[in-house]
Amino acid sequence: MTTTYSKRENAFEKGEHRWSVEDHALIWTRPAGDSLTLPWKDVGAVRAAYTPTRARTWRHVFELTTRKGSKLLIDNSHFRGIADFEDRSPTFVPFVLACLDRVVAQAPDARASVGSSPAGYFGQLLFMLATMALVIFVLVVLPSPLGGLILLKLLLIAVMLPAAAVWAIRARPRRASLTLGGLLPGLPKISGNRL
């Protein structure tokens, strides 16, 4: 049985991209009708990650990297309109698990990881910490005619810290086993995929 997943990427596309998990390869059909084939034996690495954005706080991605270094990134977000996205996790997770099943069978030496790429993660973490330090410096050190509001602003920063901590913990890069259970920590939580 073929497992499929489809989604619209952005406002400039009228149709949906469609990925089909076949026995020998992943078939990607674009809205224009052309298709690309990625044979499972050519997969060198897989990665699943929590990658939220402001409009899509639930966004997760699945990345397939070929042995030659080409990358295919697929997320669980379907574009419906400006700042209006649909969470397609109920079809995304079975699709990812079907892909992983084929990779395990045909490219058992492929690497698996969960979380952001190391360069992306540490770059974003450094930027977040530098921004936070700059905001605290501006609020505390620089003189302000509204001294009482500084405490309110610092309280606002303290309230936002848990969201930053959740991102830092869930998105950290780490190796995973090339098994169905290995990638589950990087996938959205839906009924039936809890460890």
C-alpha atoms as a PDB file:
ATOM      1  CA  MET A   1       0.000   0.000   0.000  1.00  0.00           C
ATOM      2  CA  THR A   2       1.293   3.455  -0.941  1.00  0.00           C
ATOM      3  CA  THR A   3       1.419   6.114   1.763  1.00  0.00           C
ATOM      4  CA  THR A   4       1.012   9.675   0.514  1.00  0.00           C
ATOM      5  CA  TYR A   5       1.269  13.164   1.958  1.00  0.00           C
ATOM      6  CA  SER A   6       0.303  16.444   0.310  1.00  0.00           C
ATOM      7  CA  LYS A   7       0.421  20.131   1.149  1.00  0.00           C
ATOM      8  CA  ARG A   8       0.471  23.569  -0.404  1.00  0.00           C
ATOM      9  CA  GLU A   9       3.730  25.424   0.217  1.00  0.00           C
ATOM     10  CA  ASN A  10       2.825  29.099  -0.280  1.00  0.00           C
ATOM     11  CA  ALA A  11       0.550  31.697  -1.889  1.00  0.00           C
ATOM     12  CA  PHE A  12       2.326  31.500  -5.250  1.00  0.00           C
ATOM     13  CA  GLU A  13       1.286  27.905  -5.852  1.00  0.00           C
ATOM     14  CA  LYS A  14      -2.241  26.955  -6.849  1.00  0.00           C
ATOM     15  CA  GLY A  15      -1.958  23.222  -6.204  1.00  0.00           C
ATOM     16  CA  GLU A  16      -0.417  20.918  -3.645  1.00  0.00           C
ATOM     17  CA  HIS A  17       2.896  19.092  -3.570  1.00  0.00           C
ATOM     18  CA  ARG A  18       2.411  15.338  -3.206  1.00  0.00           C
ATOM     19  CA  TRP A  19       4.895  12.790  -1.886  1.00  0.00           C
ATOM     20  CA  SER A  20       4.271   9.065  -2.395  1.00  0.00           C
ATOM     21  CA  VAL A  21       6.163   6.383  -0.470  1.00  0.00           C
ATOM     22  CA  GLU A  22       6.740   3.587  -2.988  1.00  0.00           C
ATOM     23  CA  ASP A  23       8.679   0.370  -2.380  1.00  0.00           C
ATOM     24  CA  HIS A  24      11.750   1.539  -4.293  1.00  0.00           C
ATOM     25  CA  ALA A  25      11.651   5.345  -3.904  1.00  0.00           C
ATOM     26  CA  LEU A  26       9.971   8.501  -2.675  1.00  0.00           C
ATOM     27  CA  ILE A  27       8.095  10.139  -5.557  1.00  0.00           C
ATOM     28  CA  TRP A  28       7.617  13.901  -5.258  1.00  0.00           C
ATOM     29  CA  THR A  29       5.011  15.374  -7.613  1.00  0.00           C
ATOM     30  CA  ARG A  30       4.916  19.149  -7.831  1.00  0.00           C
ATOM     31  CA  PRO A  31       1.756  21.193  -8.531  1.00  0.00           C
ATOM     32  CA  ALA A  32       2.786  21.669 -12.175  1.00  0.00           C
ATOM     33  CA  GLY A  33       2.769  17.895 -12.644  1.00  0.00           C
ATOM     34  CA  ASP A  34       6.490  17.219 -12.942  1.00  0.00           C
ATOM     35  CA  SER A  35       7.991  14.722 -10.509  1.00  0.00           C
ATOM     36  CA  LEU A  36      11.268  13.802  -8.882  1.00  0.00           C
ATOM     37  CA  THR A  37      12.323  10.396  -7.600  1.00  0.00           C
ATOM     38  CA  LEU A  38      14.542   9.752  -4.579  1.00  0.00           C
ATOM     39  CA  PRO A  39      15.552   6.070  -4.385  1.00  0.00           C
ATOM     40  CA  TRP A  40      15.613   4.851  -0.779  1.00  0.00           C
ATOM     41  CA  LYS A  41      19.064   3.280  -1.285  1.00  0.00           C
ATOM     42  CA  ASP A  42      20.472   6.794  -1.936  1.00  0.00           C
ATOM     43  CA  VAL A  43      19.379   8.175   1.465  1.00  0.00           C
ATOM     44  CA  GLY A  44      22.370   8.903   3.696  1.00  0.00           C
ATOM     45  CA  ALA A  45      20.636  10.645   6.612  1.00  0.00           C
ATOM     46  CA  VAL A  46      17.204  11.413   8.039  1.00  0.00           C
ATOM     47  CA  ARG A  47      16.237  14.069  10.562  1.00  0.00           C
ATOM     48  CA  ALA A  48      13.028  15.020  12.364  1.00  0.00           C
ATOM     49  CA  ALA A  49      12.763  18.315  14.227  1.00  0.00           C
ATOM     50  CA  TYR A  50      10.439  20.708  16.034  1.00  0.00           C
ATOM     51  CA  THR A  51      10.821  24.024  14.158  1.00  0.00           C
ATOM     52  CA  PRO A  52       8.149  26.494  15.286  1.00  0.00           C
ATOM     53  CA  THR A  53       7.499  29.881  13.729  1.00  0.00           C
ATOM     54  CA  ARG A  54       5.373  32.735  14.982  1.00  0.00           C
ATOM     55  CA  ALA A  55       2.364  31.681  12.896  1.00  0.00           C
ATOM     56  CA  ARG A  56       3.030  27.932  13.229  1.00  0.00           C
ATOM     57  CA  THR A  57       3.997  27.123  16.808  1.00  0.00           C
ATOM     58  CA  TRP A  58       3.288  23.416  16.102  1.00  0.00           C
ATOM     59  CA  ARG A  59       5.554  23.098  13.025  1.00  0.00           C
ATOM     60  CA  HIS A  60       7.765  19.999  12.604  1.00  0.00           C
ATOM     61  CA  VAL A  61      10.021  19.033   9.699  1.00  0.00           C
ATOM     62  CA  PHE A  62      11.338  15.807   8.213  1.00  0.00           C
ATOM     63  CA  GLU A  63      14.571  15.983   6.233  1.00  0.00           C
ATOM     64  CA  LEU A  64      16.030  13.382   3.897  1.00  0.00           C
ATOM     65  CA  THR A  65      19.669  13.865   2.864  1.00  0.00           C
ATOM     66  CA  THR A  66      21.137  11.926  -0.030  1.00  0.00           C
ATOM     67  CA  ARG A  67      24.599  10.392   0.055  1.00  0.00           C
ATOM     68  CA  LYS A  68      25.690  13.207  -2.290  1.00  0.00           C
ATOM     69  CA  GLY A  69      24.452  15.875   0.139  1.00  0.00           C
ATOM     70  CA  SER A  70      21.187  17.010  -1.486  1.00  0.00           C
ATOM     71  CA  LYS A  71      18.425  17.684   1.029  1.00  0.00           C
ATOM     72  CA  LEU A  72      14.668  17.352   0.861  1.00  0.00           C
ATOM     73  CA  LEU A  73      12.799  19.134   3.665  1.00  0.00           C
ATOM     74  CA  ILE A  74       9.095  18.452   4.226  1.00  0.00           C
ATOM     75  CA  ASP A  75       7.017  20.003   7.019  1.00  0.00           C
ATOM     76  CA  ASN A  76       3.570  19.406   8.511  1.00  0.00           C
ATOM     77  CA  SER A  77       2.248  22.842   7.562  1.00  0.00           C
ATOM     78  CA  HIS A  78      -0.288  23.440   4.771  1.00  0.00           C
ATOM     79  CA  PHE A  79      -0.709  27.009   3.489  1.00  0.00           C
ATOM     80  CA  ARG A  80      -4.369  28.175   3.426  1.00  0.00           C
ATOM     81  CA  GLY A  81      -3.877  31.942   3.334  1.00  0.00           C
ATOM     82  CA  ILE A  82      -1.750  34.787   4.645  1.00  0.00           C
ATOM     83  CA  ALA A  83      -0.713  33.792   8.199  1.00  0.00           C
ATOM     84  CA  ASP A  84      -3.276  30.988   7.982  1.00  0.00           C
ATOM     85  CA  PHE A  85      -1.819  27.485   8.109  1.00  0.00           C
ATOM     86  CA  GLU A  86      -3.327  24.063   8.652  1.00  0.00           C
ATOM     87  CA  ASP A  87      -1.579  21.499  10.848  1.00  0.00           C
ATOM     88  CA  ARG A  88      -1.378  18.317   8.776  1.00  0.00           C
ATOM     89  CA  SER A  89       0.261  16.217  11.511  1.00  0.00           C
ATOM     90  CA  PRO A  90      -2.341  13.409  11.336  1.00  0.00           C
ATOM     91  CA  THR A  91      -1.172  12.581   7.783  1.00  0.00           C
ATOM     92  CA  PHE A  92       2.421  13.827   8.171  1.00  0.00           C
ATOM     93  CA  VAL A  93       3.413  11.409  10.968  1.00  0.00           C
ATOM     94  CA  PRO A  94       2.275   8.201   9.170  1.00  0.00           C
ATOM     95  CA  PHE A  95       4.046   9.490   6.032  1.00  0.00           C
ATOM     96  CA  VAL A  96       7.317  10.037   7.933  1.00  0.00           C
ATOM     97  CA  LEU A  97       7.079   6.621   9.588  1.00  0.00           C
ATOM     98  CA  ALA A  98       6.471   4.979   6.186  1.00  0.00           C
ATOM     99  CA  CYS A  99       9.527   6.788   4.773  1.00  0.00           C
ATOM    100  CA  LEU A 100      11.618   5.671   7.716  1.00  0.00           C
ATOM    101  CA  ASP A 101      10.449   2.085   7.277  1.00  0.00           C
ATOM    102  CA  ARG A 102      11.685   2.117   3.659  1.00  0.00           C
ATOM    103  CA  VAL A 103      15.010   3.771   4.623  1.00  0.00           C
ATOM    104  CA  VAL A 104      15.606   1.156   7.336  1.00  0.00           C
ATOM    105  CA  ALA A 105      14.955  -1.613   4.805  1.00  0.00           C
ATOM    106  CA  GLN A 106      16.996  -0.207   1.902  1.00  0.00           C
ATOM    107  CA  ALA A 107      19.608   2.115   3.483  1.00  0.00           C
ATOM    108  CA  PRO A 108      20.267   0.613   6.938  1.00  0.00           C
ATOM    109  CA  ASP A 109      23.575   2.497   7.258  1.00  0.00           C
ATOM    110  CA  ALA A 110      21.862   5.916   7.026  1.00  0.00           C
ATOM    111  CA  ARG A 111      22.352   8.272   9.978  1.00  0.00           C
ATOM    112  CA  ALA A 112      19.400   9.502  11.984  1.00  0.00           C
ATOM    113  CA  SER A 113      19.078  12.602  14.122  1.00  0.00           C
ATOM    114  CA  VAL A 114      16.424  14.539  15.986  1.00  0.00           C
ATOM    115  CA  GLY A 115      16.322  18.293  16.448  1.00  0.00           C
ATOM    116  CA  SER A 116      17.732  21.212  14.499  1.00  0.00           C
ATOM    117  CA  SER A 117      20.916  21.026  12.506  1.00  0.00           C
ATOM    118  CA  PRO A 118      23.884  21.814  14.804  1.00  0.00           C
ATOM    119  CA  ALA A 119      24.850  25.000  12.942  1.00  0.00           C
ATOM    120  CA  GLY A 120      21.275  26.289  12.852  1.00  0.00           C
ATOM    121  CA  TYR A 121      20.615  25.454  16.486  1.00  0.00           C
ATOM    122  CA  PHE A 122      23.731  27.083  17.914  1.00  0.00           C
ATOM    123  CA  GLY A 123      23.341  30.112  15.640  1.00  0.00           C
ATOM    124  CA  GLN A 124      19.745  30.653  16.789  1.00  0.00           C
ATOM    125  CA  LEU A 125      20.644  29.998  20.422  1.00  0.00           C
ATOM    126  CA  LEU A 126      23.497  32.518  20.276  1.00  0.00           C
ATOM    127  CA  PHE A 127      21.238  35.089  18.609  1.00  0.00           C
ATOM    128  CA  MET A 128      18.501  34.525  21.228  1.00  0.00           C
ATOM    129  CA  LEU A 129      20.946  34.908  24.137  1.00  0.00           C
ATOM    130  CA  ALA A 130      22.577  38.017  22.627  1.00  0.00           C
ATOM    131  CA  THR A 131      19.169  39.611  22.030  1.00  0.00           C
ATOM    132  CA  MET A 132      18.068  38.827  25.562  1.00  0.00           C
ATOM    133  CA  ALA A 133      21.279  40.287  27.008  1.00  0.00           C
ATOM    134  CA  LEU A 134      20.852  43.439  24.905  1.00  0.00           C
ATOM    135  CA  VAL A 135      17.234  43.907  26.029  1.00  0.00           C
ATOM    136  CA  ILE A 136      18.157  43.425  29.688  1.00  0.00           C
ATOM    137  CA  PHE A 137      21.066  45.873  29.273  1.00  0.00           C
ATOM    138  CA  VAL A 138      18.820  48.498  27.675  1.00  0.00           C
ATOM    139  CA  LEU A 139      16.138  48.101  30.333  1.00  0.00           C
ATOM    140  CA  VAL A 140      18.392  48.012  33.382  1.00  0.00           C
ATOM    141  CA  VAL A 141      21.508  50.026  32.605  1.00  0.00           C
ATOM    142  CA  LEU A 142      20.320  52.834  30.379  1.00  0.00           C
ATOM    143  CA  PRO A 143      18.449  55.620  32.213  1.00  0.00           C
ATOM    144  CA  SER A 144      14.708  55.732  31.741  1.00  0.00           C
ATOM    145  CA  PRO A 145      12.233  58.396  32.849  1.00  0.00           C
ATOM    146  CA  LEU A 146       9.744  55.595  33.552  1.00  0.00           C
ATOM    147  CA  GLY A 147      11.672  53.658  36.216  1.00  0.00           C
ATOM    148  CA  GLY A 148       8.697  51.606  37.415  1.00  0.00           C
ATOM    149  CA  LEU A 149       8.066  50.172  33.956  1.00  0.00           C
ATOM    150  CA  ILE A 150      11.465  48.480  33.969  1.00  0.00           C
ATOM    151  CA  LEU A 151      10.191  45.926  36.479  1.00  0.00           C
ATOM    152  CA  LEU A 152       7.125  45.313  34.323  1.00  0.00           C
ATOM    153  CA  LYS A 153       9.308  44.805  31.250  1.00  0.00           C
ATOM    154  CA  LEU A 154      11.634  42.442  33.122  1.00  0.00           C
ATOM    155  CA  LEU A 155       8.577  40.499  34.288  1.00  0.00           C
ATOM    156  CA  LEU A 156       7.450  40.244  30.653  1.00  0.00           C
ATOM    157  CA  ILE A 157      10.872  38.851  29.701  1.00  0.00           C
ATOM    158  CA  ALA A 158      10.663  36.347  32.570  1.00  0.00           C
ATOM    159  CA  VAL A 159       7.273  35.178  31.315  1.00  0.00           C
ATOM    160  CA  MET A 160       8.729  34.598  27.829  1.00  0.00           C
ATOM    161  CA  LEU A 161      11.688  32.583  29.131  1.00  0.00           C
ATOM    162  CA  PRO A 162       9.751  29.295  29.441  1.00  0.00           C
ATOM    163  CA  ALA A 163       8.834  29.439  25.733  1.00  0.00           C
ATOM    164  CA  ALA A 164      12.498  29.970  24.867  1.00  0.00           C
ATOM    165  CA  ALA A 165      13.494  27.085  27.153  1.00  0.00           C
ATOM    166  CA  VAL A 166      10.942  24.752  25.531  1.00  0.00           C
ATOM    167  CA  TRP A 167      12.336  25.580  22.090  1.00  0.00           C
ATOM    168  CA  ALA A 168      15.948  25.130  23.283  1.00  0.00           C
ATOM    169  CA  ILE A 169      15.192  21.704  24.771  1.00  0.00           C
ATOM    170  CA  ARG A 170      12.975  20.321  21.993  1.00  0.00           C
ATOM    171  CA  ALA A 171      15.093  21.620  19.092  1.00  0.00           C
ATOM    172  CA  ARG A 172      18.547  20.607  20.370  1.00  0.00           C
ATOM    173  CA  PRO A 173      20.421  18.437  17.855  1.00  0.00           C
ATOM    174  CA  ARG A 174      21.059  14.843  18.886  1.00  0.00           C
ATOM    175  CA  ARG A 175      21.734  11.500  17.250  1.00  0.00           C
ATOM    176  CA  ALA A 176      18.938   8.979  17.123  1.00  0.00           C
ATOM    177  CA  SER A 177      18.688   5.335  16.268  1.00  0.00           C
ATOM    178  CA  LEU A 178      17.465   4.512  12.789  1.00  0.00           C
ATOM    179  CA  THR A 179      14.259   3.012  14.151  1.00  0.00           C
ATOM    180  CA  LEU A 180      10.662   4.072  14.278  1.00  0.00           C
ATOM    181  CA  GLY A 181      11.038   4.917  17.980  1.00  0.00           C
ATOM    182  CA  GLY A 182      14.271   6.829  17.366  1.00  0.00           C
ATOM    183  CA  LEU A 183      12.637   9.664  15.422  1.00  0.00           C
ATOM    184  CA  LEU A 184       9.417   9.951  17.436  1.00  0.00           C
ATOM    185  CA  PRO A 185      10.846  12.660  19.768  1.00  0.00           C
ATOM    186  CA  GLY A 186      11.211  14.924  16.702  1.00  0.00           C
ATOM    187  CA  LEU A 187       7.683  14.324  15.447  1.00  0.00           C
ATOM    188  CA  PRO A 188       4.415  15.977  16.451  1.00  0.00           C
ATOM    189  CA  LYS A 189       2.470  14.272  19.212  1.00  0.00           C
ATOM    190  CA  ILE A 190      -0.684  12.769  17.805  1.00  0.00           C
ATOM    191  CA  SER A 191      -2.810   9.912  18.987  1.00  0.00           C
ATOM    192  CA  GLY A 192      -0.817   6.710  18.673  1.00  0.00           C
ATOM    193  CA  ASN A 193       2.771   7.992  18.504  1.00  0.00           C
ATOM    194  CA  ARG A 194       3.612   8.382  22.171  1.00  0.00           C
ATOM    195  CA  LEU A 195       6.630   6.451  23.434  1.00  0.00           C
END
